[in-house]
N, C-alpha and C. Protein backbone atom coordinates (compact mmCIF):
# COMPACT_ATOMS: atom_id res chain seq x y z
N MET A 1 24.67 -0.10 -12.06
CA MET A 1 24.40 0.70 -10.88
C MET A 1 23.39 -0.04 -9.99
N ILE A 2 23.69 -0.13 -8.74
CA ILE A 2 22.82 -0.79 -7.78
C ILE A 2 21.84 0.24 -7.21
N PRO A 3 20.51 -0.05 -7.30
CA PRO A 3 19.53 0.92 -6.77
C PRO A 3 19.63 1.02 -5.25
N LYS A 4 19.45 2.22 -4.74
CA LYS A 4 19.45 2.43 -3.30
C LYS A 4 18.06 2.15 -2.76
N ILE A 5 17.97 1.35 -1.72
CA ILE A 5 16.70 0.99 -1.11
C ILE A 5 16.70 1.49 0.32
N ALA A 6 15.66 2.19 0.68
CA ALA A 6 15.54 2.67 2.06
C ALA A 6 15.32 1.47 2.98
N LEU A 7 16.08 1.40 4.03
CA LEU A 7 15.95 0.28 4.98
C LEU A 7 15.05 0.70 6.13
N VAL A 8 13.83 1.00 5.80
CA VAL A 8 12.84 1.44 6.79
C VAL A 8 11.70 0.45 6.78
N THR A 9 11.34 -0.04 7.94
CA THR A 9 10.19 -0.94 8.00
C THR A 9 8.91 -0.13 8.09
N GLY A 10 7.88 -0.64 7.49
CA GLY A 10 6.59 0.03 7.52
C GLY A 10 5.83 -0.27 8.80
N ASN A 11 4.76 0.48 8.99
CA ASN A 11 3.90 0.22 10.14
C ASN A 11 2.44 0.38 9.71
N ALA A 12 1.54 0.16 10.60
CA ALA A 12 0.12 0.19 10.27
C ALA A 12 -0.32 1.55 9.72
N ASN A 13 0.28 2.62 10.18
CA ASN A 13 -0.10 3.95 9.68
C ASN A 13 0.23 4.14 8.21
N ASP A 14 1.20 3.40 7.70
CA ASP A 14 1.59 3.53 6.30
C ASP A 14 0.51 3.02 5.35
N ILE A 15 -0.24 2.03 5.75
CA ILE A 15 -1.27 1.48 4.87
C ILE A 15 -2.68 1.63 5.43
N GLY A 16 -2.78 2.22 6.60
CA GLY A 16 -4.09 2.38 7.24
C GLY A 16 -5.09 3.17 6.42
N GLY A 17 -4.61 4.18 5.71
CA GLY A 17 -5.52 5.01 4.91
C GLY A 17 -6.21 4.23 3.80
N ILE A 18 -5.45 3.42 3.07
CA ILE A 18 -6.06 2.64 1.99
C ILE A 18 -6.97 1.56 2.54
N ILE A 19 -6.62 0.98 3.68
CA ILE A 19 -7.49 -0.03 4.29
C ILE A 19 -8.80 0.61 4.73
N ALA A 20 -8.72 1.79 5.35
CA ALA A 20 -9.94 2.49 5.77
C ALA A 20 -10.80 2.85 4.58
N PHE A 21 -10.17 3.28 3.49
CA PHE A 21 -10.93 3.61 2.29
C PHE A 21 -11.61 2.38 1.71
N LEU A 22 -10.88 1.27 1.61
CA LEU A 22 -11.46 0.06 1.03
C LEU A 22 -12.59 -0.51 1.87
N CYS A 23 -12.60 -0.21 3.16
CA CYS A 23 -13.67 -0.67 4.04
C CYS A 23 -14.85 0.30 4.07
N SER A 24 -14.73 1.42 3.39
CA SER A 24 -15.79 2.43 3.42
C SER A 24 -16.76 2.24 2.25
N ASP A 25 -17.87 2.95 2.31
CA ASP A 25 -18.86 2.91 1.23
C ASP A 25 -18.33 3.55 -0.05
N LYS A 26 -17.31 4.39 0.04
CA LYS A 26 -16.74 5.03 -1.15
C LYS A 26 -16.04 4.02 -2.07
N ALA A 27 -15.67 2.88 -1.55
CA ALA A 27 -14.98 1.86 -2.34
C ALA A 27 -15.93 0.76 -2.82
N LEU A 28 -17.20 1.07 -2.87
CA LEU A 28 -18.22 0.08 -3.21
C LEU A 28 -17.93 -0.63 -4.54
N TRP A 29 -17.44 0.08 -5.53
CA TRP A 29 -17.24 -0.50 -6.86
C TRP A 29 -15.82 -1.00 -7.10
N ILE A 30 -14.99 -1.00 -6.08
CA ILE A 30 -13.63 -1.51 -6.23
C ILE A 30 -13.61 -2.98 -5.81
N ASN A 31 -13.18 -3.83 -6.73
CA ASN A 31 -13.06 -5.25 -6.41
C ASN A 31 -11.99 -5.89 -7.28
N GLY A 32 -11.42 -6.94 -6.82
CA GLY A 32 -10.43 -7.69 -7.60
C GLY A 32 -9.15 -6.92 -7.86
N GLN A 33 -8.75 -6.05 -6.97
CA GLN A 33 -7.53 -5.28 -7.16
C GLN A 33 -6.42 -5.77 -6.24
N ARG A 34 -5.22 -5.61 -6.71
CA ARG A 34 -4.05 -5.94 -5.90
C ARG A 34 -3.40 -4.62 -5.50
N ILE A 35 -3.36 -4.35 -4.22
CA ILE A 35 -2.76 -3.13 -3.71
C ILE A 35 -1.36 -3.47 -3.21
N GLU A 36 -0.35 -2.96 -3.87
CA GLU A 36 1.04 -3.23 -3.51
C GLU A 36 1.43 -2.43 -2.28
N ALA A 37 1.96 -3.09 -1.27
CA ALA A 37 2.38 -2.42 -0.04
C ALA A 37 3.80 -2.83 0.29
N SER A 38 4.69 -2.70 -0.70
CA SER A 38 6.07 -3.13 -0.52
C SER A 38 7.02 -1.96 -0.26
N GLY A 39 6.50 -0.76 -0.19
CA GLY A 39 7.36 0.39 -0.02
C GLY A 39 8.11 0.74 -1.29
N GLY A 40 7.70 0.19 -2.41
CA GLY A 40 8.32 0.47 -3.69
C GLY A 40 9.48 -0.45 -4.04
N ILE A 41 9.73 -1.46 -3.23
CA ILE A 41 10.88 -2.33 -3.49
C ILE A 41 10.71 -3.14 -4.77
N SER A 42 9.47 -3.37 -5.20
CA SER A 42 9.26 -4.18 -6.41
C SER A 42 8.95 -3.34 -7.64
N LEU A 43 9.12 -2.03 -7.56
CA LEU A 43 8.86 -1.17 -8.73
C LEU A 43 9.98 -1.24 -9.72
């Protein structure tokens, strides 16, 4: 069975929340992490 993949391109609003969080003081102790922003294509 071939998985169905949504053919939708992302935009800045899709990842803006995590970027804003990582730039805030609340993310002080987060480091060395890889945040996947592929829309789930590599899951």
